[in-house]
């Protein structure tokens, strides 16, 4: 997730919103994550998921599938 300090909100609002179109963006205060900015579409996908449903690569839409694969790759690259 891309991160911006809260002081960038006024100076880089266009860049923050462009990033939010691609995925959630973290806004930090005092170097700690404080807020998340995301598109309405992303938010609606999150809020419409049933928390009791198990999601696998086989049962999600292609966009979410790619996000899952990206998250896996990111975690593996940390090791």
Protein backbone atom coordinates (compact mmCIF):
# COMPACT_ATOMS: atom_id res chain seq x y z
CA UNK A 1 0.00 0.00 0.00
CA UNK A 2 1.39 3.40 -0.95
CA UNK A 3 1.80 5.78 1.97
CA UNK A 4 1.81 9.58 2.25
CA UNK A 5 2.31 11.81 5.29
CA UNK A 6 -0.73 13.91 6.18
CA UNK A 7 1.26 17.05 5.32
CA UNK A 8 1.15 15.95 1.64
CA UNK A 9 -2.64 16.08 1.45
CA UNK A 10 -2.78 19.67 0.22
CA UNK A 11 0.41 19.63 -1.85
CA UNK A 12 -0.02 16.22 -3.49
CA UNK A 13 -3.78 15.67 -3.45
CA UNK A 14 -3.86 14.80 -7.17
CA UNK A 15 -1.11 12.19 -6.77
CA UNK A 16 -2.81 10.71 -3.69
CA UNK A 17 -6.14 10.43 -5.51
CA UNK A 18 -4.46 8.88 -8.58
CA UNK A 19 -2.89 6.26 -6.31
CA UNK A 20 -6.24 5.68 -4.58
CA UNK A 21 -7.73 4.82 -7.99
CA UNK A 22 -5.21 1.96 -8.15
CA UNK A 23 -5.69 0.74 -4.58
CA UNK A 24 -5.88 1.86 -0.96
CA UNK A 25 -3.49 4.62 0.14
CA UNK A 26 -2.27 5.04 3.72
CA UNK A 27 -2.12 8.53 5.22
CA UNK A 28 0.29 8.76 8.13
CA UNK A 29 0.56 11.12 11.08
CA UNK A 30 3.75 11.19 13.11
CA UNK A 31 5.08 8.32 10.93
CA UNK A 32 2.22 6.02 11.91
CA UNK A 33 -0.64 4.87 9.65
CA UNK A 34 -3.76 6.82 10.58
CA UNK A 35 -6.17 6.89 7.62
CA UNK A 36 -6.86 5.00 4.41
CA UNK A 37 -8.08 6.59 1.17
CA UNK A 38 -9.64 4.31 -1.44
CA UNK A 39 -12.02 4.39 -4.36
CA UNK A 40 -15.73 3.90 -3.75
CA UNK A 41 -15.59 0.75 -5.88
CA UNK A 42 -12.87 -0.76 -3.68
CA UNK A 43 -14.75 0.21 -0.52
CA UNK A 44 -17.97 -1.34 -1.80
CA UNK A 45 -16.18 -4.58 -2.63
CA UNK A 46 -14.78 -4.70 0.90
CA UNK A 47 -18.08 -3.94 2.62
CA UNK A 48 -20.08 -6.39 0.53
CA UNK A 49 -17.88 -9.35 1.36
CA UNK A 50 -19.44 -11.80 3.77
CA UNK A 51 -16.90 -12.17 6.61
CA UNK A 52 -17.88 -15.82 7.01
CA UNK A 53 -17.11 -16.64 3.41
CA UNK A 54 -13.74 -18.12 2.57
CA UNK A 55 -12.32 -16.55 -0.54
CA UNK A 56 -9.85 -18.44 -2.69
CA UNK A 57 -8.29 -17.69 -6.05
CA UNK A 58 -10.99 -19.89 -7.60
CA UNK A 59 -14.03 -18.03 -6.27
CA UNK A 60 -13.21 -14.31 -6.58
CA UNK A 61 -13.47 -11.91 -9.49
CA UNK A 62 -10.33 -11.41 -11.64
CA UNK A 63 -9.47 -8.02 -10.09
CA UNK A 64 -9.57 -9.39 -6.55
CA UNK A 65 -7.68 -12.47 -7.73
CA UNK A 66 -4.85 -10.25 -8.99
CA UNK A 67 -4.82 -8.32 -5.70
CA UNK A 68 -4.50 -11.60 -3.80
CA UNK A 69 -1.63 -12.74 -6.02
CA UNK A 70 0.12 -9.37 -5.63
CA UNK A 71 -0.21 -9.57 -1.84
CA UNK A 72 1.25 -13.09 -1.86
CA UNK A 73 4.16 -11.97 -4.03
CA UNK A 74 4.79 -9.01 -1.72
CA UNK A 75 4.88 -11.23 1.35
CA UNK A 76 7.17 -13.75 -0.33
CA UNK A 77 9.58 -11.02 -1.38
CA UNK A 78 9.96 -9.97 2.28
CA UNK A 79 11.37 -13.36 3.25
